[in-house]
N, C-alpha and C. Protein backbone atom coordinates (compact mmCIF):
# COMPACT_ATOMS: atom_id res chain seq x y z
N ILE A 1 172.72 -59.44 24.66
CA ILE A 1 172.35 -58.04 24.51
C ILE A 1 173.62 -57.23 24.74
N ALA A 2 173.95 -56.36 23.80
CA ALA A 2 175.18 -55.58 23.95
C ALA A 2 174.93 -54.12 23.57
N ALA A 3 175.58 -53.21 24.32
CA ALA A 3 175.56 -51.79 23.99
C ALA A 3 177.01 -51.33 23.98
N GLU A 4 177.45 -50.74 22.88
CA GLU A 4 178.84 -50.32 22.76
C GLU A 4 178.91 -48.85 22.36
N ASP A 5 179.71 -48.09 23.13
CA ASP A 5 179.95 -46.68 22.86
C ASP A 5 178.66 -45.88 22.67
N VAL A 6 177.71 -46.08 23.58
CA VAL A 6 176.45 -45.34 23.55
C VAL A 6 176.17 -44.78 24.94
N THR A 7 175.23 -43.88 25.01
CA THR A 7 174.82 -43.32 26.29
C THR A 7 173.34 -43.60 26.49
N GLY A 8 173.03 -44.09 27.68
CA GLY A 8 171.64 -44.30 28.06
C GLY A 8 171.03 -45.56 27.50
N ALA A 9 170.75 -46.52 28.37
CA ALA A 9 170.04 -47.73 27.96
C ALA A 9 169.40 -48.34 29.20
N VAL A 10 168.23 -48.90 29.01
CA VAL A 10 167.55 -49.67 30.04
C VAL A 10 167.41 -51.09 29.50
N ILE A 11 167.98 -52.05 30.23
CA ILE A 11 167.88 -53.46 29.86
C ILE A 11 167.12 -54.11 31.01
N ARG A 12 165.85 -54.43 30.77
CA ARG A 12 164.96 -54.80 31.86
C ARG A 12 164.10 -56.02 31.51
N ASN A 13 163.95 -56.90 32.51
CA ASN A 13 162.98 -58.01 32.47
C ASN A 13 163.15 -58.94 31.27
N ASN A 14 164.39 -59.32 31.00
CA ASN A 14 164.68 -60.26 29.93
C ASN A 14 165.05 -61.62 30.52
N TYR A 15 164.83 -62.67 29.73
CA TYR A 15 165.27 -64.01 30.07
C TYR A 15 166.32 -64.39 29.04
N ILE A 16 167.55 -64.60 29.49
CA ILE A 16 168.69 -64.83 28.59
C ILE A 16 169.30 -66.17 28.94
N LEU A 17 169.35 -67.09 27.97
CA LEU A 17 169.71 -68.49 28.23
C LEU A 17 170.73 -69.00 27.21
N ASN A 18 171.76 -69.71 27.70
CA ASN A 18 172.69 -70.50 26.88
C ASN A 18 173.48 -69.69 25.84
N ASN A 19 174.11 -68.61 26.26
CA ASN A 19 174.95 -67.82 25.36
C ASN A 19 176.42 -67.97 25.77
N PRO A 20 177.28 -68.46 24.87
CA PRO A 20 178.67 -68.73 25.24
C PRO A 20 179.48 -67.48 25.54
N MET A 21 179.14 -66.33 25.01
CA MET A 21 179.94 -65.13 25.20
C MET A 21 179.44 -64.26 26.35
N GLY A 22 178.39 -64.62 27.01
CA GLY A 22 177.84 -63.81 28.07
C GLY A 22 176.41 -63.45 27.76
N GLY A 23 175.77 -62.75 28.68
CA GLY A 23 174.36 -62.44 28.50
C GLY A 23 174.09 -60.99 28.17
N ILE A 24 174.65 -60.07 28.99
CA ILE A 24 174.45 -58.63 28.81
C ILE A 24 175.81 -57.96 28.90
N ALA A 25 176.13 -57.12 27.93
CA ALA A 25 177.43 -56.45 27.93
C ALA A 25 177.29 -54.97 27.60
N ILE A 26 177.93 -54.13 28.43
CA ILE A 26 178.09 -52.70 28.16
C ILE A 26 179.58 -52.53 27.88
N LEU A 27 179.93 -52.11 26.68
CA LEU A 27 181.32 -52.08 26.24
C LEU A 27 181.73 -50.68 25.80
N GLY A 28 182.87 -50.21 26.30
CA GLY A 28 183.38 -48.90 25.91
C GLY A 28 184.77 -49.01 25.34
N SER A 29 185.00 -48.34 24.22
CA SER A 29 186.31 -48.38 23.57
C SER A 29 187.00 -47.03 23.58
N GLY A 30 186.45 -46.05 24.28
CA GLY A 30 187.07 -44.74 24.34
C GLY A 30 186.52 -43.75 23.34
N ALA A 31 185.63 -44.18 22.47
CA ALA A 31 185.11 -43.29 21.44
C ALA A 31 184.28 -42.15 22.03
N VAL A 32 183.44 -42.47 23.00
CA VAL A 32 182.58 -41.46 23.63
C VAL A 32 182.43 -41.80 25.11
N PRO A 33 182.25 -40.79 25.97
CA PRO A 33 181.89 -41.10 27.36
C PRO A 33 180.51 -41.76 27.39
N MET A 34 180.35 -42.74 28.25
CA MET A 34 179.11 -43.49 28.33
C MET A 34 178.50 -43.31 29.71
N SER A 35 177.16 -43.16 29.79
CA SER A 35 176.53 -42.98 31.09
C SER A 35 175.07 -43.40 31.04
N ASN A 36 174.51 -43.52 32.24
CA ASN A 36 173.08 -43.76 32.44
C ASN A 36 172.61 -45.10 31.88
N PHE A 37 173.03 -46.15 32.57
CA PHE A 37 172.62 -47.50 32.21
C PHE A 37 171.90 -48.14 33.38
N SER A 38 170.80 -48.82 33.09
CA SER A 38 170.07 -49.58 34.09
C SER A 38 169.89 -51.00 33.57
N ILE A 39 170.42 -51.95 34.34
CA ILE A 39 170.27 -53.36 34.02
C ILE A 39 169.52 -53.95 35.20
N THR A 40 168.23 -54.25 35.02
CA THR A 40 167.41 -54.61 36.17
C THR A 40 166.36 -55.68 35.84
N GLY A 41 166.15 -56.58 36.79
CA GLY A 41 165.07 -57.55 36.69
C GLY A 41 165.26 -58.63 35.66
N ASN A 42 166.49 -58.86 35.22
CA ASN A 42 166.76 -59.87 34.20
C ASN A 42 167.07 -61.21 34.85
N THR A 43 166.78 -62.29 34.13
CA THR A 43 167.16 -63.64 34.55
C THR A 43 168.10 -64.19 33.49
N LEU A 44 169.30 -64.60 33.93
CA LEU A 44 170.32 -65.13 33.03
C LEU A 44 170.69 -66.52 33.51
N GLU A 45 170.63 -67.50 32.60
CA GLU A 45 170.96 -68.87 32.95
C GLU A 45 171.93 -69.46 31.93
N ASN A 46 172.98 -70.10 32.45
CA ASN A 46 173.96 -70.83 31.65
C ASN A 46 174.59 -69.97 30.56
N ASN A 47 175.04 -68.78 30.94
CA ASN A 47 175.72 -67.89 30.00
C ASN A 47 177.21 -67.82 30.33
N ALA A 48 177.98 -67.18 29.46
CA ALA A 48 179.42 -66.99 29.63
C ALA A 48 180.14 -68.32 29.74
N THR A 49 179.72 -69.28 28.94
CA THR A 49 180.33 -70.61 29.00
C THR A 49 181.51 -70.74 28.05
N GLY A 50 181.75 -69.75 27.20
CA GLY A 50 182.78 -69.88 26.17
C GLY A 50 184.06 -69.13 26.45
N GLY A 51 184.28 -68.61 27.65
CA GLY A 51 185.55 -67.95 27.90
C GLY A 51 185.48 -66.91 28.98
N ARG A 52 186.35 -65.92 28.88
CA ARG A 52 186.54 -64.91 29.93
C ARG A 52 185.49 -63.81 29.83
N TYR A 53 184.28 -64.13 30.11
CA TYR A 53 183.19 -63.17 30.07
C TYR A 53 182.38 -63.29 31.35
N GLY A 54 181.53 -62.32 31.58
CA GLY A 54 180.60 -62.39 32.70
C GLY A 54 179.20 -62.54 32.17
N SER A 55 178.31 -63.07 32.98
CA SER A 55 176.91 -63.14 32.56
C SER A 55 176.38 -61.73 32.33
N ILE A 56 176.73 -60.79 33.24
CA ILE A 56 176.51 -59.36 33.02
C ILE A 56 177.88 -58.72 33.09
N GLU A 57 178.26 -57.97 32.07
CA GLU A 57 179.61 -57.43 32.00
C GLU A 57 179.59 -55.96 31.59
N VAL A 58 180.36 -55.14 32.33
CA VAL A 58 180.60 -53.76 31.95
C VAL A 58 182.12 -53.64 31.81
N TYR A 59 182.58 -53.32 30.62
CA TYR A 59 184.00 -53.38 30.32
C TYR A 59 184.39 -52.17 29.47
N GLY A 60 185.56 -51.59 29.76
CA GLY A 60 186.01 -50.47 28.94
C GLY A 60 187.52 -50.32 28.96
N TYR A 61 188.04 -49.84 27.86
CA TYR A 61 189.47 -49.54 27.72
C TYR A 61 189.59 -48.07 27.29
N ASP A 62 190.31 -47.28 28.09
CA ASP A 62 190.50 -45.85 27.81
C ASP A 62 189.17 -45.13 27.59
N THR A 63 188.23 -45.34 28.48
CA THR A 63 186.90 -44.77 28.31
C THR A 63 186.35 -44.30 29.65
N GLU A 64 185.27 -43.54 29.61
CA GLU A 64 184.54 -43.12 30.80
C GLU A 64 183.17 -43.78 30.79
N ILE A 65 182.84 -44.44 31.90
CA ILE A 65 181.51 -45.03 32.05
C ILE A 65 181.00 -44.62 33.43
N SER A 66 179.80 -44.05 33.47
CA SER A 66 179.27 -43.56 34.75
C SER A 66 177.77 -43.81 34.86
N ASN A 67 177.30 -43.71 36.10
CA ASN A 67 175.87 -43.85 36.42
C ASN A 67 175.30 -45.17 35.89
N VAL A 68 175.83 -46.26 36.44
CA VAL A 68 175.40 -47.61 36.05
C VAL A 68 174.71 -48.27 37.23
N SER A 69 173.52 -48.77 37.01
CA SER A 69 172.75 -49.46 38.03
C SER A 69 172.50 -50.89 37.57
N ILE A 70 173.01 -51.85 38.36
CA ILE A 70 172.81 -53.28 38.08
C ILE A 70 172.05 -53.83 39.29
N THR A 71 170.73 -54.00 39.14
CA THR A 71 169.89 -54.30 40.30
C THR A 71 168.89 -55.42 40.02
N ASN A 72 168.66 -56.22 41.05
CA ASN A 72 167.57 -57.20 41.08
C ASN A 72 167.60 -58.18 39.91
N ASN A 73 168.80 -58.60 39.50
CA ASN A 73 168.96 -59.62 38.47
C ASN A 73 169.21 -60.96 39.13
N THR A 74 168.85 -62.05 38.43
CA THR A 74 169.14 -63.40 38.90
C THR A 74 170.03 -64.08 37.87
N ILE A 75 171.19 -64.55 38.33
CA ILE A 75 172.16 -65.23 37.47
C ILE A 75 172.33 -66.63 38.04
N ASP A 76 172.03 -67.65 37.23
CA ASP A 76 172.05 -69.03 37.70
C ASP A 76 172.78 -69.89 36.67
N THR A 77 173.75 -70.63 37.10
CA THR A 77 174.61 -71.50 36.31
C THR A 77 175.42 -70.70 35.28
N GLY A 78 176.42 -71.33 34.73
CA GLY A 78 177.33 -70.71 33.78
C GLY A 78 178.75 -70.75 34.29
N SER A 79 179.65 -70.15 33.54
CA SER A 79 181.06 -70.14 33.94
C SER A 79 181.66 -68.79 33.56
N GLY A 80 182.75 -68.76 32.81
CA GLY A 80 183.40 -67.50 32.50
C GLY A 80 184.06 -66.92 33.73
N MET A 81 184.11 -65.58 33.83
CA MET A 81 184.77 -64.92 34.96
C MET A 81 183.84 -64.66 36.12
N GLY A 82 182.56 -64.81 35.93
CA GLY A 82 181.66 -64.60 37.05
C GLY A 82 180.29 -64.16 36.62
N GLY A 83 179.47 -63.85 37.62
CA GLY A 83 178.10 -63.45 37.36
C GLY A 83 177.99 -62.01 36.88
N ILE A 84 178.57 -61.09 37.67
CA ILE A 84 178.60 -59.67 37.31
C ILE A 84 180.07 -59.27 37.30
N VAL A 85 180.57 -58.82 36.14
CA VAL A 85 181.98 -58.48 35.99
C VAL A 85 182.09 -57.05 35.49
N VAL A 86 182.83 -56.21 36.23
CA VAL A 86 183.12 -54.84 35.83
C VAL A 86 184.62 -54.74 35.64
N GLY A 87 185.07 -54.36 34.46
CA GLY A 87 186.50 -54.28 34.17
C GLY A 87 186.89 -52.97 33.53
N ALA A 88 187.72 -52.18 34.24
CA ALA A 88 188.21 -50.89 33.73
C ALA A 88 189.70 -51.04 33.41
N LEU A 89 190.08 -50.76 32.17
CA LEU A 89 191.46 -50.92 31.74
C LEU A 89 191.99 -49.64 31.10
N GLY A 90 193.31 -49.56 30.98
CA GLY A 90 193.93 -48.39 30.38
C GLY A 90 193.71 -47.17 31.26
N ASP A 91 193.34 -46.07 30.65
CA ASP A 91 193.07 -44.83 31.37
C ASP A 91 191.58 -44.63 31.62
N SER A 92 190.86 -45.68 31.79
CA SER A 92 189.41 -45.59 32.01
C SER A 92 189.08 -44.95 33.35
N VAL A 93 187.92 -44.28 33.39
CA VAL A 93 187.35 -43.76 34.63
C VAL A 93 185.93 -44.29 34.71
N PHE A 94 185.67 -45.11 35.73
CA PHE A 94 184.35 -45.66 35.99
C PHE A 94 183.84 -45.02 37.27
N SER A 95 182.63 -44.44 37.26
CA SER A 95 182.09 -43.82 38.46
C SER A 95 180.61 -44.05 38.63
N ASP A 96 180.22 -44.01 39.90
CA ASP A 96 178.81 -44.06 40.29
C ASP A 96 178.12 -45.33 39.81
N PHE A 97 178.59 -46.45 40.34
CA PHE A 97 178.02 -47.76 40.05
C PHE A 97 177.23 -48.24 41.27
N ASN A 98 176.03 -48.76 41.03
CA ASN A 98 175.19 -49.33 42.07
C ASN A 98 174.89 -50.78 41.69
N ILE A 99 175.46 -51.73 42.45
CA ILE A 99 175.26 -53.15 42.20
C ILE A 99 174.52 -53.69 43.43
N THR A 100 173.20 -53.82 43.32
CA THR A 100 172.36 -54.06 44.50
C THR A 100 171.25 -55.07 44.21
N GLY A 101 171.01 -55.95 45.19
CA GLY A 101 169.84 -56.83 45.15
C GLY A 101 169.90 -57.94 44.13
N ASN A 102 171.08 -58.31 43.66
CA ASN A 102 171.23 -59.37 42.67
C ASN A 102 171.44 -60.72 43.36
N THR A 103 171.08 -61.79 42.67
CA THR A 103 171.36 -63.15 43.13
C THR A 103 172.25 -63.81 42.09
N VAL A 104 173.41 -64.32 42.55
CA VAL A 104 174.35 -65.03 41.68
C VAL A 104 174.58 -66.39 42.31
N GLN A 105 174.22 -67.46 41.58
CA GLN A 105 174.31 -68.79 42.17
C GLN A 105 174.69 -69.85 41.13
N ASN A 106 175.33 -70.89 41.62
CA ASN A 106 175.63 -72.09 40.83
C ASN A 106 176.56 -71.86 39.65
N LEU A 107 177.51 -70.92 39.76
CA LEU A 107 178.51 -70.73 38.71
C LEU A 107 179.68 -71.67 38.96
N ASN A 108 180.44 -71.96 37.90
CA ASN A 108 181.60 -72.82 38.02
C ASN A 108 182.67 -72.29 37.06
N THR A 109 183.78 -71.78 37.61
CA THR A 109 184.81 -71.19 36.76
C THR A 109 186.19 -71.46 37.31
N ALA A 110 187.19 -71.45 36.43
CA ALA A 110 188.57 -71.67 36.83
C ALA A 110 189.46 -70.47 36.48
N TYR A 111 188.89 -69.33 36.14
CA TYR A 111 189.69 -68.17 35.77
C TYR A 111 190.21 -67.42 36.99
N ASP A 112 191.39 -66.80 36.84
CA ASP A 112 191.92 -65.95 37.89
C ASP A 112 191.02 -64.74 38.05
N LEU A 113 190.97 -64.20 39.26
CA LEU A 113 190.16 -63.05 39.61
C LEU A 113 188.70 -63.25 39.20
N ALA A 114 188.18 -64.41 39.56
CA ALA A 114 186.79 -64.73 39.26
C ALA A 114 185.96 -64.61 40.52
N GLY A 115 184.67 -64.42 40.34
CA GLY A 115 183.80 -64.34 41.50
C GLY A 115 182.36 -64.18 41.10
N GLY A 116 181.49 -64.23 42.08
CA GLY A 116 180.08 -63.98 41.80
C GLY A 116 179.89 -62.56 41.29
N ILE A 117 180.55 -61.60 41.99
CA ILE A 117 180.57 -60.21 41.56
C ILE A 117 182.03 -59.78 41.58
N VAL A 118 182.54 -59.31 40.44
CA VAL A 118 183.95 -58.94 40.31
C VAL A 118 184.04 -57.51 39.80
N VAL A 119 184.83 -56.67 40.49
CA VAL A 119 185.14 -55.32 40.00
C VAL A 119 186.66 -55.24 39.92
N GLY A 120 187.17 -55.01 38.72
CA GLY A 120 188.62 -54.99 38.53
C GLY A 120 189.09 -53.76 37.78
N GLY A 121 190.30 -53.31 38.14
CA GLY A 121 190.94 -52.20 37.45
C GLY A 121 192.36 -52.57 37.07
N GLN A 122 192.81 -52.06 35.93
CA GLN A 122 194.16 -52.37 35.46
C GLN A 122 194.76 -51.13 34.83
N ASP A 123 196.07 -51.07 34.77
CA ASP A 123 196.81 -49.95 34.21
C ASP A 123 196.57 -48.72 35.09
N TYR A 124 196.09 -47.62 34.52
CA TYR A 124 195.85 -46.38 35.26
C TYR A 124 194.36 -46.11 35.47
N ALA A 125 193.56 -47.14 35.45
CA ALA A 125 192.12 -46.98 35.61
C ALA A 125 191.79 -46.40 36.98
N VAL A 126 190.72 -45.61 37.01
CA VAL A 126 190.22 -45.01 38.25
C VAL A 126 188.77 -45.45 38.41
N LEU A 127 188.45 -46.00 39.59
CA LEU A 127 187.09 -46.45 39.89
C LEU A 127 186.60 -45.70 41.10
N ASN A 128 185.52 -44.92 40.95
CA ASN A 128 184.99 -44.04 41.99
C ASN A 128 183.55 -44.37 42.33
N ASN A 129 183.22 -44.28 43.61
CA ASN A 129 181.82 -44.30 44.08
C ASN A 129 181.07 -45.56 43.64
N PHE A 130 181.44 -46.68 44.22
CA PHE A 130 180.77 -47.95 43.96
C PHE A 130 180.03 -48.39 45.21
N THR A 131 178.80 -48.86 45.03
CA THR A 131 178.04 -49.48 46.10
C THR A 131 177.71 -50.91 45.66
N ILE A 132 178.11 -51.86 46.51
CA ILE A 132 177.81 -53.27 46.28
C ILE A 132 177.09 -53.74 47.54
N SER A 133 175.76 -53.84 47.48
CA SER A 133 175.02 -54.14 48.70
C SER A 133 173.78 -54.97 48.43
N GLY A 134 173.39 -55.73 49.45
CA GLY A 134 172.14 -56.49 49.38
C GLY A 134 172.13 -57.60 48.35
N ASN A 135 173.29 -58.06 47.92
CA ASN A 135 173.38 -59.13 46.93
C ASN A 135 173.49 -60.48 47.64
N THR A 136 173.07 -61.54 46.97
CA THR A 136 173.25 -62.90 47.46
C THR A 136 174.14 -63.64 46.47
N VAL A 137 175.26 -64.17 46.97
CA VAL A 137 176.20 -64.93 46.16
C VAL A 137 176.31 -66.30 46.84
N ASP A 138 175.76 -67.34 46.19
CA ASP A 138 175.60 -68.62 46.87
C ASP A 138 175.92 -69.80 45.95
N ALA A 139 176.61 -70.80 46.52
CA ALA A 139 176.83 -72.11 45.89
C ALA A 139 177.56 -72.00 44.56
N ASN A 140 178.62 -71.18 44.53
CA ASN A 140 179.44 -71.03 43.34
C ASN A 140 180.78 -71.71 43.58
N ALA A 141 181.43 -72.19 42.51
CA ALA A 141 182.75 -72.81 42.61
C ALA A 141 183.73 -72.00 41.76
N PHE A 142 184.68 -71.34 42.44
CA PHE A 142 185.69 -70.53 41.76
C PHE A 142 187.04 -71.14 42.07
N TYR A 143 187.81 -71.52 41.04
CA TYR A 143 189.05 -72.24 41.25
C TYR A 143 190.29 -71.49 40.78
N GLY A 144 190.21 -70.21 40.47
CA GLY A 144 191.37 -69.44 40.02
C GLY A 144 192.24 -68.99 41.17
N ALA A 145 193.19 -68.13 40.88
CA ALA A 145 194.17 -67.71 41.88
C ALA A 145 193.63 -66.69 42.87
N TYR A 146 192.76 -65.79 42.46
CA TYR A 146 192.26 -64.72 43.33
C TYR A 146 190.74 -64.72 43.29
N ASP A 147 190.14 -65.54 44.08
CA ASP A 147 188.71 -65.74 43.97
C ASP A 147 187.97 -65.16 45.15
N GLY A 148 186.75 -64.79 44.91
CA GLY A 148 185.90 -64.35 46.00
C GLY A 148 184.45 -64.44 45.59
N GLY A 149 183.59 -64.62 46.57
CA GLY A 149 182.18 -64.52 46.26
C GLY A 149 181.91 -63.13 45.69
N ILE A 150 182.54 -62.11 46.34
CA ILE A 150 182.58 -60.74 45.82
C ILE A 150 184.04 -60.33 45.83
N GLY A 151 184.57 -59.93 44.69
CA GLY A 151 185.98 -59.58 44.60
C GLY A 151 186.18 -58.21 43.97
N VAL A 152 187.01 -57.39 44.61
CA VAL A 152 187.42 -56.10 44.06
C VAL A 152 188.93 -56.10 44.03
N GLY A 153 189.52 -55.87 42.87
CA GLY A 153 190.97 -55.93 42.80
C GLY A 153 191.53 -55.18 41.62
N GLY A 154 192.79 -54.78 41.77
CA GLY A 154 193.46 -54.06 40.70
C GLY A 154 194.91 -54.45 40.58
N VAL A 155 195.48 -54.13 39.44
CA VAL A 155 196.89 -54.35 39.20
C VAL A 155 197.49 -53.07 38.63
N GLU A 156 198.79 -52.99 38.76
CA GLU A 156 199.55 -51.83 38.33
C GLU A 156 199.10 -50.60 39.10
N TYR A 157 198.62 -49.56 38.47
CA TYR A 157 198.34 -48.30 39.15
C TYR A 157 196.85 -47.98 39.27
N ALA A 158 196.01 -48.96 39.12
CA ALA A 158 194.57 -48.73 39.25
C ALA A 158 194.25 -48.18 40.64
N SER A 159 193.29 -47.24 40.69
CA SER A 159 192.91 -46.69 41.99
C SER A 159 191.41 -46.87 42.21
N PHE A 160 191.07 -47.06 43.50
CA PHE A 160 189.70 -47.34 43.92
C PHE A 160 189.34 -46.33 45.00
N ASN A 161 188.27 -45.56 44.78
CA ASN A 161 187.88 -44.49 45.70
C ASN A 161 186.41 -44.62 46.08
N ASN A 162 186.13 -44.56 47.37
CA ASN A 162 184.77 -44.54 47.89
C ASN A 162 183.96 -45.76 47.48
N PHE A 163 184.38 -46.92 47.98
CA PHE A 163 183.67 -48.18 47.78
C PHE A 163 182.89 -48.53 49.03
N THR A 164 181.63 -48.91 48.86
CA THR A 164 180.82 -49.42 49.96
C THR A 164 180.40 -50.83 49.62
N ILE A 165 180.79 -51.79 50.46
CA ILE A 165 180.38 -53.18 50.31
C ILE A 165 179.68 -53.55 51.61
N SER A 166 178.35 -53.70 51.56
CA SER A 166 177.62 -53.92 52.81
C SER A 166 176.35 -54.74 52.58
N GLY A 167 175.95 -55.46 53.61
CA GLY A 167 174.66 -56.14 53.61
C GLY A 167 174.52 -57.24 52.59
N ASN A 168 175.62 -57.81 52.12
CA ASN A 168 175.58 -58.91 51.17
C ASN A 168 175.56 -60.24 51.90
N THR A 169 174.99 -61.26 51.28
CA THR A 169 175.02 -62.62 51.81
C THR A 169 175.88 -63.45 50.88
N VAL A 170 177.02 -63.93 51.40
CA VAL A 170 177.97 -64.71 50.61
C VAL A 170 178.14 -66.05 51.32
N THR A 171 177.55 -67.12 50.74
CA THR A 171 177.53 -68.41 51.43
C THR A 171 177.78 -69.57 50.48
N ASN A 172 178.31 -70.66 51.04
CA ASN A 172 178.42 -71.95 50.35
C ASN A 172 179.22 -71.91 49.06
N ASN A 173 180.17 -70.98 48.94
CA ASN A 173 181.00 -70.89 47.75
C ASN A 173 182.30 -71.66 47.96
N ILE A 174 182.81 -72.25 46.90
CA ILE A 174 184.15 -72.80 46.93
C ILE A 174 185.03 -71.70 46.36
N ALA A 175 185.69 -70.95 47.25
CA ALA A 175 186.47 -69.79 46.84
C ALA A 175 187.53 -69.51 47.90
N THR A 176 188.56 -68.79 47.50
CA THR A 176 189.60 -68.41 48.45
C THR A 176 189.07 -67.46 49.50
N GLU A 177 188.25 -66.52 49.11
CA GLU A 177 187.71 -65.50 50.01
C GLU A 177 186.20 -65.37 49.82
N GLY A 178 185.51 -65.01 50.88
CA GLY A 178 184.09 -64.68 50.74
C GLY A 178 183.93 -63.33 50.07
N ILE A 179 184.61 -62.32 50.66
CA ILE A 179 184.68 -60.99 50.07
C ILE A 179 186.16 -60.61 50.05
N ALA A 180 186.67 -60.25 48.88
CA ALA A 180 188.10 -59.98 48.74
C ALA A 180 188.33 -58.61 48.13
N PHE A 181 189.28 -57.87 48.70
CA PHE A 181 189.75 -56.60 48.15
C PHE A 181 191.25 -56.77 48.02
N SER A 182 191.78 -56.74 46.79
CA SER A 182 193.19 -57.09 46.64
C SER A 182 193.83 -56.47 45.42
N GLY A 183 195.15 -56.46 45.43
CA GLY A 183 195.93 -56.29 44.21
C GLY A 183 196.47 -54.92 43.89
N SER A 184 195.92 -53.83 44.39
CA SER A 184 196.41 -52.52 44.03
C SER A 184 196.88 -51.78 45.28
N ASP A 185 197.88 -50.93 45.12
CA ASP A 185 198.35 -50.11 46.23
C ASP A 185 197.55 -48.84 46.37
N TYR A 186 196.54 -48.65 45.55
CA TYR A 186 195.82 -47.39 45.49
C TYR A 186 194.34 -47.58 45.81
N VAL A 187 194.04 -47.95 47.03
CA VAL A 187 192.66 -48.12 47.49
C VAL A 187 192.40 -47.03 48.53
N TYR A 188 191.39 -46.20 48.30
CA TYR A 188 191.10 -45.07 49.21
C TYR A 188 189.68 -45.14 49.69
């Protein structure tokens, strides 16, 4: 399921199985500001097996994405970069993300900056007002250079403002860190 350069979508109560490119993707290319997305109650199994994708992925280059809720999803097995992957590149501005109540388990990946839940910024991206809480990340194997059950990281001049990471259960993962915040000099 993919939504590109649109505003407003509810992706709810789907069963998504065996997709090599990922399961659910919100993609922005800078054409229009994007907002008001709810991804909730979905079950994803054995997705993102074909490369650098997430089972649930929100990705944008030189774009604005805001008011995104990723809640109460179950992600089981698969590979790629992780279960839930948020990637802001270029001059993107991502704001008001709520990643809550998800279960990510039994993933196996060897990519750098991989994790059960990954939020990354690159170039001059700005990431504001993120809540990552009440998630369970269990029994995953991450073998890249910067791994975490939950990972937030940036390179170059990416900035991170007002992040709350609380009440998560991160257990039984083969990873460098349980919860990792790394890579950028601009974390506020």
